[in-house]
N, C-alpha and C. Protein backbone atom coordinates (compact mmCIF):
# COMPACT_ATOMS: atom_id res chain seq x y z
N MET A 1 0.85 -1.17 0.00
CA MET A 1 0.00 0.00 0.00
C MET A 1 0.90 1.23 0.00
N THR A 2 0.57 2.15 -0.83
CA THR A 2 1.40 3.34 -0.95
C THR A 2 1.12 4.33 0.16
N GLU A 3 2.09 5.18 0.41
CA GLU A 3 1.93 6.23 1.42
C GLU A 3 0.76 7.14 1.07
N TYR A 4 0.57 7.39 -0.24
CA TYR A 4 -0.54 8.22 -0.72
C TYR A 4 -1.87 7.68 -0.21
N MET A 5 -2.04 6.36 -0.29
CA MET A 5 -3.31 5.75 0.09
C MET A 5 -3.56 5.85 1.59
N ILE A 6 -2.49 5.86 2.38
CA ILE A 6 -2.65 5.90 3.82
C ILE A 6 -2.98 7.31 4.30
N LYS A 7 -2.31 8.31 3.76
CA LYS A 7 -2.45 9.68 4.25
C LYS A 7 -3.58 10.45 3.58
N THR A 8 -3.97 10.06 2.41
CA THR A 8 -4.98 10.79 1.67
C THR A 8 -6.34 10.09 1.83
N PRO A 9 -7.41 10.85 2.06
CA PRO A 9 -8.72 10.22 2.12
C PRO A 9 -8.98 9.42 0.83
N PRO A 10 -9.76 8.36 0.92
CA PRO A 10 -10.00 7.52 -0.26
C PRO A 10 -10.84 8.19 -1.34
N ILE A 11 -11.43 9.32 -0.98
CA ILE A 11 -12.29 10.02 -1.94
C ILE A 11 -12.21 11.52 -1.67
N ASP A 12 -12.24 12.28 -2.72
CA ASP A 12 -12.28 13.74 -2.60
C ASP A 12 -13.77 14.12 -2.65
N ILE A 13 -14.36 14.21 -1.48
CA ILE A 13 -15.81 14.45 -1.40
C ILE A 13 -16.20 15.76 -2.06
N GLN A 14 -15.44 16.82 -1.84
CA GLN A 14 -15.80 18.11 -2.44
C GLN A 14 -15.77 18.03 -3.96
N GLU A 15 -14.75 17.39 -4.51
CA GLU A 15 -14.68 17.23 -5.96
C GLU A 15 -15.84 16.37 -6.47
N ALA A 16 -16.16 15.30 -5.73
CA ALA A 16 -17.28 14.45 -6.11
C ALA A 16 -18.59 15.24 -6.08
N LEU A 17 -18.75 16.09 -5.07
CA LEU A 17 -19.95 16.91 -4.98
C LEU A 17 -20.02 17.89 -6.15
N ASP A 18 -18.90 18.47 -6.51
CA ASP A 18 -18.87 19.35 -7.68
C ASP A 18 -19.29 18.60 -8.93
N ARG A 19 -18.81 17.36 -9.07
CA ARG A 19 -19.18 16.54 -10.23
C ARG A 19 -20.67 16.21 -10.24
N ALA A 20 -21.25 16.15 -9.03
CA ALA A 20 -22.69 15.88 -8.89
C ALA A 20 -23.49 17.18 -8.91
N MET A 21 -22.89 18.24 -9.41
CA MET A 21 -23.52 19.55 -9.58
C MET A 21 -24.06 20.10 -8.26
N GLY A 22 -23.34 19.78 -7.16
CA GLY A 22 -23.72 20.31 -5.86
C GLY A 22 -24.90 19.61 -5.20
N GLU A 23 -25.38 18.55 -5.82
CA GLU A 23 -26.54 17.82 -5.29
C GLU A 23 -26.09 16.74 -4.31
N LYS A 24 -26.08 17.09 -3.02
CA LYS A 24 -25.58 16.17 -2.00
C LYS A 24 -26.36 14.85 -1.98
N GLU A 25 -27.67 14.90 -2.07
CA GLU A 25 -28.48 13.68 -2.03
C GLU A 25 -28.17 12.78 -3.23
N PHE A 26 -27.97 13.40 -4.38
CA PHE A 26 -27.63 12.64 -5.59
C PHE A 26 -26.27 11.97 -5.41
N LEU A 27 -25.31 12.69 -4.86
CA LEU A 27 -23.99 12.12 -4.63
C LEU A 27 -24.07 10.96 -3.65
N VAL A 28 -24.81 11.12 -2.58
CA VAL A 28 -24.95 10.04 -1.60
C VAL A 28 -25.55 8.82 -2.27
N MET A 29 -26.56 9.00 -3.11
CA MET A 29 -27.17 7.88 -3.82
C MET A 29 -26.14 7.19 -4.73
N LEU A 30 -25.37 7.99 -5.47
CA LEU A 30 -24.35 7.42 -6.36
C LEU A 30 -23.31 6.62 -5.58
N LEU A 31 -22.87 7.18 -4.47
CA LEU A 31 -21.87 6.50 -3.66
C LEU A 31 -22.41 5.22 -3.04
N GLU A 32 -23.68 5.23 -2.63
CA GLU A 32 -24.29 4.01 -2.08
C GLU A 32 -24.39 2.94 -3.15
N GLU A 33 -24.81 3.32 -4.35
CA GLU A 33 -24.90 2.35 -5.44
C GLU A 33 -23.53 1.80 -5.80
N PHE A 34 -22.54 2.67 -5.84
CA PHE A 34 -21.18 2.25 -6.15
C PHE A 34 -20.69 1.27 -5.09
N SER A 35 -20.86 1.62 -3.83
CA SER A 35 -20.41 0.78 -2.72
C SER A 35 -21.14 -0.57 -2.72
N ASP A 36 -22.45 -0.53 -2.95
CA ASP A 36 -23.25 -1.76 -2.97
C ASP A 36 -22.82 -2.70 -4.10
N GLY A 37 -22.42 -2.14 -5.22
CA GLY A 37 -22.03 -2.95 -6.37
C GLY A 37 -20.61 -3.46 -6.32
N LEU A 38 -19.81 -2.94 -5.41
CA LEU A 38 -18.40 -3.32 -5.35
C LEU A 38 -18.19 -4.81 -5.10
N THR A 39 -18.96 -5.39 -4.20
CA THR A 39 -18.76 -6.80 -3.87
C THR A 39 -18.93 -7.69 -5.10
N ALA A 40 -19.97 -7.47 -5.85
CA ALA A 40 -20.21 -8.28 -7.06
C ALA A 40 -19.12 -8.02 -8.10
N GLN A 41 -18.72 -6.79 -8.24
CA GLN A 41 -17.69 -6.46 -9.23
C GLN A 41 -16.35 -7.08 -8.85
N ILE A 42 -16.02 -7.04 -7.58
CA ILE A 42 -14.78 -7.64 -7.10
C ILE A 42 -14.81 -9.14 -7.34
N GLU A 43 -15.95 -9.76 -7.09
CA GLU A 43 -16.07 -11.20 -7.31
C GLU A 43 -15.87 -11.56 -8.78
N LYS A 44 -16.46 -10.79 -9.68
CA LYS A 44 -16.27 -11.03 -11.11
C LYS A 44 -14.80 -10.93 -11.49
N MET A 45 -14.12 -9.97 -10.91
CA MET A 45 -12.70 -9.79 -11.21
C MET A 45 -11.87 -10.93 -10.63
N ARG A 46 -12.21 -11.39 -9.43
CA ARG A 46 -11.51 -12.53 -8.82
C ARG A 46 -11.67 -13.78 -9.69
N VAL A 47 -12.90 -14.03 -10.14
CA VAL A 47 -13.15 -15.19 -11.00
C VAL A 47 -12.37 -15.07 -12.30
N ALA A 48 -12.34 -13.88 -12.86
CA ALA A 48 -11.58 -13.67 -14.10
C ALA A 48 -10.10 -13.97 -13.89
N ILE A 49 -9.56 -13.57 -12.76
CA ILE A 49 -8.16 -13.87 -12.46
C ILE A 49 -7.96 -15.37 -12.31
N ASP A 50 -8.84 -16.01 -11.53
CA ASP A 50 -8.75 -17.46 -11.32
C ASP A 50 -8.81 -18.23 -12.63
N GLN A 51 -9.65 -17.75 -13.54
CA GLN A 51 -9.83 -18.42 -14.84
C GLN A 51 -8.88 -17.89 -15.91
N GLN A 52 -8.03 -16.95 -15.51
CA GLN A 52 -7.09 -16.29 -16.43
C GLN A 52 -7.82 -15.77 -17.67
N ASP A 53 -8.90 -15.07 -17.40
CA ASP A 53 -9.76 -14.49 -18.43
C ASP A 53 -9.39 -13.02 -18.59
N ARG A 54 -8.47 -12.77 -19.51
CA ARG A 54 -7.97 -11.41 -19.73
C ARG A 54 -9.08 -10.44 -20.12
N ALA A 55 -9.96 -10.88 -21.01
CA ALA A 55 -10.99 -9.98 -21.53
C ALA A 55 -11.92 -9.51 -20.41
N THR A 56 -12.39 -10.42 -19.59
CA THR A 56 -13.31 -10.05 -18.51
C THR A 56 -12.60 -9.19 -17.48
N LEU A 57 -11.39 -9.57 -17.11
CA LEU A 57 -10.64 -8.79 -16.12
C LEU A 57 -10.41 -7.37 -16.63
N THR A 58 -10.03 -7.26 -17.88
CA THR A 58 -9.76 -5.94 -18.45
C THR A 58 -11.03 -5.11 -18.51
N GLN A 59 -12.13 -5.72 -18.93
CA GLN A 59 -13.40 -4.99 -19.06
C GLN A 59 -13.91 -4.56 -17.68
N GLN A 60 -13.90 -5.47 -16.72
CA GLN A 60 -14.38 -5.14 -15.37
C GLN A 60 -13.50 -4.08 -14.72
N SER A 61 -12.19 -4.19 -14.91
CA SER A 61 -11.27 -3.20 -14.36
C SER A 61 -11.51 -1.83 -14.98
N HIS A 62 -11.70 -1.83 -16.28
CA HIS A 62 -11.93 -0.56 -16.99
C HIS A 62 -13.21 0.10 -16.47
N THR A 63 -14.26 -0.68 -16.30
CA THR A 63 -15.53 -0.16 -15.81
C THR A 63 -15.38 0.41 -14.40
N LEU A 64 -14.72 -0.35 -13.54
CA LEU A 64 -14.53 0.10 -12.16
C LEU A 64 -13.64 1.33 -12.09
N LYS A 65 -12.61 1.36 -12.93
CA LYS A 65 -11.71 2.53 -12.97
C LYS A 65 -12.50 3.79 -13.32
N GLY A 66 -13.38 3.68 -14.31
CA GLY A 66 -14.18 4.83 -14.72
C GLY A 66 -15.13 5.28 -13.64
N ALA A 67 -15.80 4.33 -13.00
CA ALA A 67 -16.75 4.68 -11.94
C ALA A 67 -16.02 5.32 -10.76
N ALA A 68 -14.91 4.73 -10.35
CA ALA A 68 -14.15 5.28 -9.22
C ALA A 68 -13.63 6.68 -9.56
N GLY A 69 -13.14 6.84 -10.77
CA GLY A 69 -12.65 8.15 -11.20
C GLY A 69 -13.75 9.19 -11.23
N ASN A 70 -14.90 8.81 -11.75
CA ASN A 70 -16.03 9.75 -11.82
C ASN A 70 -16.52 10.17 -10.44
N LEU A 71 -16.31 9.31 -9.45
CA LEU A 71 -16.74 9.62 -8.09
C LEU A 71 -15.60 10.20 -7.26
N SER A 72 -14.47 10.47 -7.90
CA SER A 72 -13.30 11.07 -7.25
C SER A 72 -12.70 10.17 -6.18
N ALA A 73 -12.86 8.86 -6.35
CA ALA A 73 -12.19 7.88 -5.49
C ALA A 73 -10.84 7.59 -6.14
N LYS A 74 -9.94 8.54 -5.99
CA LYS A 74 -8.70 8.56 -6.76
C LYS A 74 -7.76 7.41 -6.46
N ALA A 75 -7.63 7.04 -5.20
CA ALA A 75 -6.73 5.95 -4.84
C ALA A 75 -7.22 4.64 -5.46
N MET A 76 -8.52 4.39 -5.38
CA MET A 76 -9.07 3.18 -5.98
C MET A 76 -8.89 3.21 -7.49
N ALA A 77 -9.17 4.33 -8.11
CA ALA A 77 -9.02 4.43 -9.56
C ALA A 77 -7.59 4.15 -9.98
N ALA A 78 -6.63 4.61 -9.19
CA ALA A 78 -5.21 4.39 -9.51
C ALA A 78 -4.85 2.91 -9.43
N VAL A 79 -5.32 2.23 -8.41
CA VAL A 79 -5.04 0.80 -8.27
C VAL A 79 -5.71 0.03 -9.40
N VAL A 80 -6.95 0.37 -9.69
CA VAL A 80 -7.69 -0.36 -10.73
C VAL A 80 -7.09 -0.09 -12.11
N MET A 81 -6.52 1.08 -12.32
CA MET A 81 -5.85 1.35 -13.59
C MET A 81 -4.67 0.39 -13.77
N ARG A 82 -3.91 0.17 -12.70
CA ARG A 82 -2.79 -0.77 -12.77
C ARG A 82 -3.30 -2.20 -12.97
N LEU A 83 -4.44 -2.51 -12.35
CA LEU A 83 -5.05 -3.82 -12.52
C LEU A 83 -5.50 -4.04 -13.96
N GLU A 84 -6.08 -3.01 -14.54
CA GLU A 84 -6.50 -3.09 -15.94
C GLU A 84 -5.28 -3.36 -16.84
N GLN A 85 -4.20 -2.66 -16.58
CA GLN A 85 -2.98 -2.85 -17.38
C GLN A 85 -2.43 -4.26 -17.22
N ALA A 86 -2.43 -4.77 -15.99
CA ALA A 86 -1.95 -6.14 -15.75
C ALA A 86 -2.86 -7.15 -16.45
N GLY A 87 -4.16 -6.90 -16.42
CA GLY A 87 -5.10 -7.78 -17.10
C GLY A 87 -4.88 -7.78 -18.60
N ARG A 88 -4.68 -6.61 -19.17
CA ARG A 88 -4.42 -6.49 -20.60
C ARG A 88 -3.20 -7.31 -21.04
N SER A 89 -2.18 -7.28 -20.18
CA SER A 89 -0.94 -7.98 -20.53
C SER A 89 -0.95 -9.45 -20.10
N GLY A 90 -2.02 -9.87 -19.43
CA GLY A 90 -2.12 -11.27 -19.01
C GLY A 90 -1.24 -11.60 -17.81
N ASP A 91 -0.88 -10.60 -17.03
CA ASP A 91 -0.05 -10.80 -15.84
C ASP A 91 -0.97 -11.08 -14.65
N PHE A 92 -1.33 -12.35 -14.48
CA PHE A 92 -2.29 -12.71 -13.45
C PHE A 92 -1.68 -12.75 -12.05
N GLU A 93 -0.37 -12.91 -11.96
CA GLU A 93 0.29 -12.86 -10.65
C GLU A 93 0.20 -11.44 -10.09
N THR A 94 0.54 -10.47 -10.92
CA THR A 94 0.41 -9.07 -10.50
C THR A 94 -1.05 -8.71 -10.27
N SER A 95 -1.93 -9.23 -11.11
CA SER A 95 -3.36 -8.97 -10.95
C SER A 95 -3.86 -9.41 -9.59
N SER A 96 -3.42 -10.58 -9.14
CA SER A 96 -3.84 -11.08 -7.82
C SER A 96 -3.38 -10.14 -6.70
N LYS A 97 -2.15 -9.68 -6.80
CA LYS A 97 -1.63 -8.75 -5.79
C LYS A 97 -2.39 -7.43 -5.81
N LEU A 98 -2.69 -6.95 -7.00
CA LEU A 98 -3.42 -5.70 -7.13
C LEU A 98 -4.87 -5.84 -6.65
N MET A 99 -5.45 -7.02 -6.83
CA MET A 99 -6.81 -7.26 -6.32
C MET A 99 -6.83 -7.10 -4.81
N ALA A 100 -5.82 -7.63 -4.14
CA ALA A 100 -5.76 -7.50 -2.68
C ALA A 100 -5.65 -6.03 -2.29
N GLU A 101 -4.85 -5.29 -3.01
CA GLU A 101 -4.70 -3.85 -2.75
C GLU A 101 -6.01 -3.12 -3.02
N MET A 102 -6.67 -3.50 -4.11
CA MET A 102 -7.93 -2.85 -4.47
C MET A 102 -9.02 -3.17 -3.43
N GLU A 103 -9.04 -4.40 -2.93
CA GLU A 103 -10.02 -4.75 -1.91
C GLU A 103 -9.78 -3.97 -0.62
N MET A 104 -8.52 -3.75 -0.27
CA MET A 104 -8.22 -2.92 0.91
C MET A 104 -8.71 -1.50 0.68
N GLU A 105 -8.53 -1.02 -0.54
CA GLU A 105 -8.98 0.34 -0.86
C GLU A 105 -10.51 0.42 -0.82
N ALA A 106 -11.19 -0.63 -1.29
CA ALA A 106 -12.65 -0.67 -1.24
C ALA A 106 -13.13 -0.64 0.21
N THR A 107 -12.47 -1.38 1.08
CA THR A 107 -12.82 -1.38 2.50
C THR A 107 -12.58 -0.01 3.11
N ARG A 108 -11.45 0.58 2.77
CA ARG A 108 -11.12 1.92 3.29
C ARG A 108 -12.17 2.94 2.84
N LEU A 109 -12.60 2.85 1.59
CA LEU A 109 -13.61 3.76 1.06
C LEU A 109 -14.94 3.57 1.80
N ARG A 110 -15.36 2.33 1.95
CA ARG A 110 -16.62 2.06 2.65
C ARG A 110 -16.59 2.60 4.07
N GLN A 111 -15.50 2.33 4.78
CA GLN A 111 -15.38 2.80 6.16
C GLN A 111 -15.38 4.33 6.23
N TYR A 112 -14.71 4.95 5.31
CA TYR A 112 -14.67 6.42 5.27
C TYR A 112 -16.07 6.98 5.05
N LEU A 113 -16.80 6.40 4.10
CA LEU A 113 -18.13 6.90 3.80
C LEU A 113 -19.10 6.67 4.95
N GLU A 114 -18.94 5.55 5.67
CA GLU A 114 -19.81 5.27 6.82
C GLU A 114 -19.63 6.32 7.92
N LYS A 115 -18.42 6.84 8.05
CA LYS A 115 -18.12 7.78 9.13
C LYS A 115 -18.18 9.24 8.69
N PHE A 116 -18.36 9.47 7.40
CA PHE A 116 -18.31 10.84 6.90
C PHE A 116 -19.50 11.65 7.41
N ASP A 117 -19.23 12.87 7.86
CA ASP A 117 -20.26 13.77 8.37
C ASP A 117 -20.82 14.59 7.20
N TRP A 118 -21.93 14.12 6.66
CA TRP A 118 -22.54 14.77 5.51
C TRP A 118 -23.16 16.11 5.87
N SER A 119 -23.48 16.30 7.13
CA SER A 119 -24.13 17.56 7.54
C SER A 119 -23.23 18.76 7.37
N GLY A 120 -21.92 18.55 7.43
CA GLY A 120 -20.99 19.67 7.29
C GLY A 120 -20.62 20.00 5.87
N LEU A 121 -21.20 19.28 4.93
CA LEU A 121 -20.87 19.48 3.51
C LEU A 121 -21.83 20.46 2.88
N ASN A 122 -21.30 21.43 2.17
CA ASN A 122 -22.15 22.44 1.51
C ASN A 122 -22.48 22.01 0.11
């Protein structure tokens, strides 16, 4: 895990709110949907690695990278970008290591969002 991931919040909430046009309720809904879908998406990626399915791993990684980036979950997007690259090249050993890192980042994001004080956000 990089120092960036430890010291930096897993998501830039203000940037995400700006992307959601200042609509806090809309952002909360998007983040809940993203968080709820992570488990299934992670499982699809794990299966793709186990089956050495480059196409599925690359596609799922690309999709997750875009969603994380659009929600300003920068640390997750960075890990998933590396995972997408490893999937493209068929490097399943690196992919497995990156999956573990990505799952830690998903947990960190969920925990951060559970504790985030939305009332103080403009």
